[in-house]
C-alpha cells in the first residue's frame, strides 16, 4: 500500500456519527476534496491517506483512507497503535503524519547496498515513500565514501568511490 501525503490538506468534521465497526465515514458536505488536499487515491485500495479523528483527545483514532467518493471515504480503522472507537457527528478529522509513516520511510532509506567494487558507478535509489510535491525534503547520504549526490524528485543518485568489494550502509537523515 502506497502512503500518500498532502501539505495543503484542510481539516474538516464528521457529517454523521460512526461506530467502532464502521468502514466508511462521511465528512461535512463539500469538504472531502479539501481534506485530501489534492491527493488522488488509486482504485482498489492501493493507496492510503492517514487521518486522525478527534485528534489530541482521549478518543483520538488514526485511520487510513483507502478510497474516496466525494465526501464519503472507505477507511481502515485503529491504525498506528490506536483502537477503533465511536465518534460523534462534528468530530474533527485532519490529515496527520504518524510515527508509522516515518518508520516506513526510514526503513526504505536505511538499506545496505552491495556495490561489488564497481568504482565510479552511479546508483539510483527509488524513494517509494517520497512526497510527490516536487520538493524532496529528506536528503543527505552519510555513508562517508560518496563524492557526489544528485537529488531529484523521488530519487537520490549517488556516485560511489569504493576501493574494495564491501556492502556500504546508506544512511539518510534530514538536512538541518
C-alpha atoms as a PDB file:
ATOM      1  CA  UNK A   1       0.000   0.000   0.000  1.00  0.00           C
ATOM      2  CA  UNK A   2       1.442   3.387  -1.011  1.00  0.00           C
ATOM      3  CA  UNK A   3       1.333   6.110   1.639  1.00  0.00           C
ATOM      4  CA  UNK A   4       0.211   9.483   0.286  1.00  0.00           C
ATOM      5  CA  UNK A   5       0.631  12.893   1.924  1.00  0.00           C
ATOM      6  CA  UNK A   6      -0.513  16.472   1.421  1.00  0.00           C
ATOM      7  CA  UNK A   7       0.890  19.729   2.742  1.00  0.00           C
ATOM      8  CA  UNK A   8      -2.338  21.574   1.875  1.00  0.00           C
ATOM      9  CA  UNK A   9      -4.917  19.275   3.485  1.00  0.00           C
ATOM     10  CA  UNK A  10      -7.654  21.147   5.356  1.00  0.00           C
ATOM     11  CA  UNK A  11      -9.244  19.666   8.454  1.00  0.00           C
ATOM     12  CA  UNK A  12     -12.962  19.027   8.484  1.00  0.00           C
ATOM     13  CA  UNK A  13     -15.600  17.346  10.660  1.00  0.00           C
ATOM     14  CA  UNK A  14     -17.678  14.181  10.525  1.00  0.00           C
ATOM     15  CA  UNK A  15     -21.102  14.728   8.930  1.00  0.00           C
ATOM     16  CA  UNK A  16     -22.604  11.872  10.933  1.00  0.00           C
ATOM     17  CA  UNK A  17     -21.511   9.646  13.809  1.00  0.00           C
ATOM     18  CA  UNK A  18     -19.535   6.450  13.181  1.00  0.00           C
ATOM     19  CA  UNK A  19     -19.386   3.325  15.337  1.00  0.00           C
ATOM     20  CA  UNK A  20     -16.224   1.343  16.044  1.00  0.00           C
ATOM     21  CA  UNK A  21     -17.151  -1.204  13.366  1.00  0.00           C
ATOM     22  CA  UNK A  22     -17.882   1.204  10.502  1.00  0.00           C
ATOM     23  CA  UNK A  23     -15.603   1.004   7.450  1.00  0.00           C
ATOM     24  CA  UNK A  24     -16.888   4.176   5.790  1.00  0.00           C
ATOM     25  CA  UNK A  25     -17.171   7.743   7.042  1.00  0.00           C
ATOM     26  CA  UNK A  26     -18.714  10.898   5.623  1.00  0.00           C
ATOM     27  CA  UNK A  27     -17.307  14.356   6.274  1.00  0.00           C
ATOM     28  CA  UNK A  28     -19.124  17.696   6.095  1.00  0.00           C
ATOM     29  CA  UNK A  29     -20.630  18.450   2.698  1.00  0.00           C
ATOM     30  CA  UNK A  30     -18.130  19.764   0.158  1.00  0.00           C
ATOM     31  CA  UNK A  31     -15.027  19.202   2.331  1.00  0.00           C
ATOM     32  CA  UNK A  32     -13.821  15.775   1.166  1.00  0.00           C
ATOM     33  CA  UNK A  33     -11.598  17.166  -1.565  1.00  0.00           C
ATOM     34  CA  UNK A  34     -10.043  19.724   0.802  1.00  0.00           C
ATOM     35  CA  UNK A  35      -9.288  17.010   3.354  1.00  0.00           C
ATOM     36  CA  UNK A  36      -7.356  15.069   0.709  1.00  0.00           C
ATOM     37  CA  UNK A  37      -5.512  18.251  -0.259  1.00  0.00           C
ATOM     38  CA  UNK A  38      -5.074  17.388  -3.935  1.00  0.00           C
ATOM     39  CA  UNK A  39      -4.251  13.720  -3.369  1.00  0.00           C
ATOM     40  CA  UNK A  40      -5.926  11.199  -5.679  1.00  0.00           C
ATOM     41  CA  UNK A  41      -6.230   7.667  -4.316  1.00  0.00           C
ATOM     42  CA  UNK A  42      -5.686   4.804  -6.770  1.00  0.00           C
ATOM     43  CA  UNK A  43      -8.562   2.394  -7.319  1.00  0.00           C
ATOM     44  CA  UNK A  44      -8.652  -0.884  -5.450  1.00  0.00           C
ATOM     45  CA  UNK A  45      -7.324   0.358  -2.098  1.00  0.00           C
ATOM     46  CA  UNK A  46      -3.723   0.509  -3.324  1.00  0.00           C
ATOM     47  CA  UNK A  47      -3.109   3.850  -1.562  1.00  0.00           C
ATOM     48  CA  UNK A  48      -3.575   5.116   1.966  1.00  0.00           C
ATOM     49  CA  UNK A  49      -4.022   8.629   3.322  1.00  0.00           C
ATOM     50  CA  UNK A  50      -3.630   8.928   7.087  1.00  0.00           C
ATOM     51  CA  UNK A  51      -6.056  10.993   9.163  1.00  0.00           C
ATOM     52  CA  UNK A  52      -6.878  11.356  12.831  1.00  0.00           C
ATOM     53  CA  UNK A  53     -10.414  11.593  14.155  1.00  0.00           C
ATOM     54  CA  UNK A  54     -10.762  13.538  17.423  1.00  0.00           C
ATOM     55  CA  UNK A  55      -7.039  14.445  17.393  1.00  0.00           C
ATOM     56  CA  UNK A  56      -5.410  15.373  20.709  1.00  0.00           C
ATOM     57  CA  UNK A  57      -8.257  13.913  22.751  1.00  0.00           C
ATOM     58  CA  UNK A  58      -8.763  10.677  24.703  1.00  0.00           C
ATOM     59  CA  UNK A  59     -10.795   9.380  21.711  1.00  0.00           C
ATOM     60  CA  UNK A  60      -8.097  10.044  19.079  1.00  0.00           C
ATOM     61  CA  UNK A  61      -8.072   7.354  16.422  1.00  0.00           C
ATOM     62  CA  UNK A  62      -5.718   7.040  13.457  1.00  0.00           C
ATOM     63  CA  UNK A  63      -7.336   5.689  10.313  1.00  0.00           C
ATOM     64  CA  UNK A  64      -6.242   5.081   6.737  1.00  0.00           C
ATOM     65  CA  UNK A  65      -8.466   6.407   3.971  1.00  0.00           C
ATOM     66  CA  UNK A  66      -8.202   3.911   1.099  1.00  0.00           C
ATOM     67  CA  UNK A  67     -10.937   5.151  -1.269  1.00  0.00           C
ATOM     68  CA  UNK A  68     -12.842   8.386  -1.792  1.00  0.00           C
ATOM     69  CA  UNK A  69     -16.200   9.246  -3.344  1.00  0.00           C
ATOM     70  CA  UNK A  70     -16.788  12.975  -2.842  1.00  0.00           C
ATOM     71  CA  UNK A  71     -17.291  13.384   0.918  1.00  0.00           C
ATOM     72  CA  UNK A  72     -17.514   9.659   1.723  1.00  0.00           C
ATOM     73  CA  UNK A  73     -14.391   7.598   2.414  1.00  0.00           C
ATOM     74  CA  UNK A  74     -13.607   3.907   2.769  1.00  0.00           C
ATOM     75  CA  UNK A  75     -11.392   3.553   5.833  1.00  0.00           C
ATOM     76  CA  UNK A  76      -9.224   1.083   7.754  1.00  0.00           C
ATOM     77  CA  UNK A  77      -9.727   1.728  11.449  1.00  0.00           C
ATOM     78  CA  UNK A  78      -7.493   1.686  14.522  1.00  0.00           C
ATOM     79  CA  UNK A  79      -4.072   2.190  12.886  1.00  0.00           C
ATOM     80  CA  UNK A  80      -0.723   3.291  14.368  1.00  0.00           C
ATOM     81  CA  UNK A  81      -1.402   1.826  17.797  1.00  0.00           C
ATOM     82  CA  UNK A  82      -4.884   3.296  18.219  1.00  0.00           C
ATOM     83  CA  UNK A  83      -8.173   1.462  18.708  1.00  0.00           C
ATOM     84  CA  UNK A  84     -11.343   1.820  16.639  1.00  0.00           C
ATOM     85  CA  UNK A  85     -13.889   3.716  18.753  1.00  0.00           C
ATOM     86  CA  UNK A  86     -17.173   5.515  18.149  1.00  0.00           C
ATOM     87  CA  UNK A  87     -17.025   9.172  17.094  1.00  0.00           C
ATOM     88  CA  UNK A  88     -19.789  11.780  17.214  1.00  0.00           C
ATOM     89  CA  UNK A  89     -21.091  13.917  14.391  1.00  0.00           C
ATOM     90  CA  UNK A  90     -18.961  17.067  14.288  1.00  0.00           C
ATOM     91  CA  UNK A  91     -15.760  15.290  15.418  1.00  0.00           C
ATOM     92  CA  UNK A  92     -12.612  16.842  13.953  1.00  0.00           C
ATOM     93  CA  UNK A  93     -10.933  14.940  11.085  1.00  0.00           C
ATOM     94  CA  UNK A  94      -7.455  16.007   9.986  1.00  0.00           C
ATOM     95  CA  UNK A  95      -4.541  14.673   7.953  1.00  0.00           C
ATOM     96  CA  UNK A  96      -1.610  13.611  10.150  1.00  0.00           C
ATOM     97  CA  UNK A  97       1.864  12.173   9.885  1.00  0.00           C
ATOM     98  CA  UNK A  98       2.428   9.321  12.347  1.00  0.00           C
ATOM     99  CA  UNK A  99       5.474   7.526  13.661  1.00  0.00           C
ATOM    100  CA  UNK A 100       4.378   4.558  11.495  1.00  0.00           C
ATOM    101  CA  UNK A 101       4.724   6.799   8.406  1.00  0.00           C
ATOM    102  CA  UNK A 102       8.194   7.929   9.451  1.00  0.00           C
ATOM    103  CA  UNK A 103       9.306   4.369  10.280  1.00  0.00           C
ATOM    104  CA  UNK A 104       8.150   3.154   6.842  1.00  0.00           C
ATOM    105  CA  UNK A 105      10.031   5.988   5.167  1.00  0.00           C
ATOM    106  CA  UNK A 106      13.186   5.346   7.192  1.00  0.00           C
ATOM    107  CA  UNK A 107      13.143   1.591   6.535  1.00  0.00           C
ATOM    108  CA  UNK A 108      13.036   2.346   2.800  1.00  0.00           C
ATOM    109  CA  UNK A 109      16.097   4.590   3.067  1.00  0.00           C
ATOM    110  CA  UNK A 110      18.314   2.777   5.547  1.00  0.00           C
ATOM    111  CA  UNK A 111      19.351  -0.193   3.464  1.00  0.00           C
ATOM    112  CA  UNK A 112      22.705  -1.743   2.705  1.00  0.00           C
ATOM    113  CA  UNK A 113      23.527  -1.895  -0.999  1.00  0.00           C
ATOM    114  CA  UNK A 114      26.224  -4.265  -2.351  1.00  0.00           C
ATOM    115  CA  UNK A 115      28.397  -2.200  -4.704  1.00  0.00           C
ATOM    116  CA  UNK A 116      30.770  -5.088  -5.569  1.00  0.00           C
ATOM    117  CA  UNK A 117      33.793  -2.918  -6.335  1.00  0.00           C
ATOM    118  CA  UNK A 118      32.124  -1.074  -9.195  1.00  0.00           C
ATOM    119  CA  UNK A 119      34.156   2.085  -8.864  1.00  0.00           C
ATOM    120  CA  UNK A 120      32.703   5.368 -10.146  1.00  0.00           C
ATOM    121  CA  UNK A 121      29.298   3.847 -10.781  1.00  0.00           C
ATOM    122  CA  UNK A 122      26.116   5.853 -10.341  1.00  0.00           C
ATOM    123  CA  UNK A 123      23.298   4.158  -8.446  1.00  0.00           C
ATOM    124  CA  UNK A 124      19.741   5.438  -8.243  1.00  0.00           C
ATOM    125  CA  UNK A 125      17.744   4.720  -5.103  1.00  0.00           C
ATOM    126  CA  UNK A 126      13.988   4.913  -5.598  1.00  0.00           C
ATOM    127  CA  UNK A 127      12.205   6.581  -2.699  1.00  0.00           C
ATOM    128  CA  UNK A 128       8.864   4.816  -2.828  1.00  0.00           C
ATOM    129  CA  UNK A 129       7.536   6.837   0.103  1.00  0.00           C
ATOM    130  CA  UNK A 130       8.781  10.206  -1.225  1.00  0.00           C
ATOM    131  CA  UNK A 131       6.369  13.114  -1.204  1.00  0.00           C
ATOM    132  CA  UNK A 132       5.322  13.869  -4.768  1.00  0.00           C
ATOM    133  CA  UNK A 133       5.001  17.620  -4.348  1.00  0.00           C
ATOM    134  CA  UNK A 134       8.066  18.481  -6.431  1.00  0.00           C
ATOM    135  CA  UNK A 135      10.256  19.012  -3.378  1.00  0.00           C
ATOM    136  CA  UNK A 136      12.469  16.350  -1.807  1.00  0.00           C
ATOM    137  CA  UNK A 137      12.562  17.177   1.894  1.00  0.00           C
ATOM    138  CA  UNK A 138      14.717  14.292   3.144  1.00  0.00           C
ATOM    139  CA  UNK A 139      18.201  14.043   1.647  1.00  0.00           C
ATOM    140  CA  UNK A 140      21.765  13.535   2.810  1.00  0.00           C
ATOM    141  CA  UNK A 141      23.787  10.412   2.242  1.00  0.00           C
ATOM    142  CA  UNK A 142      26.072   9.930   5.227  1.00  0.00           C
ATOM    143  CA  UNK A 143      27.965   6.770   4.331  1.00  0.00           C
ATOM    144  CA  UNK A 144      31.310   8.602   4.363  1.00  0.00           C
ATOM    145  CA  UNK A 145      32.506   7.436   0.926  1.00  0.00           C
ATOM    146  CA  UNK A 146      30.442   9.451  -1.539  1.00  0.00           C
ATOM    147  CA  UNK A 147      31.735  12.420  -3.503  1.00  0.00           C
ATOM    148  CA  UNK A 148      28.595  13.499  -5.319  1.00  0.00           C
ATOM    149  CA  UNK A 149      24.891  13.398  -4.603  1.00  0.00           C
ATOM    150  CA  UNK A 150      22.320  14.378  -7.218  1.00  0.00           C
ATOM    151  CA  UNK A 151      18.867  14.959  -5.834  1.00  0.00           C
ATOM    152  CA  UNK A 152      15.685  14.684  -7.863  1.00  0.00           C
ATOM    153  CA  UNK A 153      12.063  14.221  -7.040  1.00  0.00           C
ATOM    154  CA  UNK A 154      11.634  10.690  -5.749  1.00  0.00           C
ATOM    155  CA  UNK A 155      15.242   9.605  -6.239  1.00  0.00           C
ATOM    156  CA  UNK A 156      18.773  10.086  -4.992  1.00  0.00           C
ATOM    157  CA  UNK A 157      21.690   9.416  -7.327  1.00  0.00           C
ATOM    158  CA  UNK A 158      24.956   8.575  -5.633  1.00  0.00           C
ATOM    159  CA  UNK A 159      28.388   8.331  -7.247  1.00  0.00           C
ATOM    160  CA  UNK A 160      30.372   5.845  -5.174  1.00  0.00           C
ATOM    161  CA  UNK A 161      34.159   5.545  -4.978  1.00  0.00           C
ATOM    162  CA  UNK A 162      34.716   2.137  -3.443  1.00  0.00           C
ATOM    163  CA  UNK A 163      38.255   0.771  -3.037  1.00  0.00           C
ATOM    164  CA  UNK A 164      37.095  -2.780  -2.344  1.00  0.00           C
ATOM    165  CA  UNK A 165      34.067  -5.028  -2.536  1.00  0.00           C
ATOM    166  CA  UNK A 166      32.054  -4.473   0.635  1.00  0.00           C
ATOM    167  CA  UNK A 167      28.438  -3.583   1.282  1.00  0.00           C
ATOM    168  CA  UNK A 168      28.115   0.098   2.171  1.00  0.00           C
ATOM    169  CA  UNK A 169      25.312   1.196   4.517  1.00  0.00           C
ATOM    170  CA  UNK A 170      23.306   4.045   3.018  1.00  0.00           C
ATOM    171  CA  UNK A 171      22.003   6.116   5.918  1.00  0.00           C
ATOM    172  CA  UNK A 172      19.887   9.138   5.107  1.00  0.00           C
ATOM    173  CA  UNK A 173      18.952  11.848   7.543  1.00  0.00           C
ATOM    174  CA  UNK A 174      17.074  15.092   7.405  1.00  0.00           C
ATOM    175  CA  UNK A 175      19.114  18.116   6.364  1.00  0.00           C
ATOM    176  CA  UNK A 176      19.413  20.806   9.060  1.00  0.00           C
END
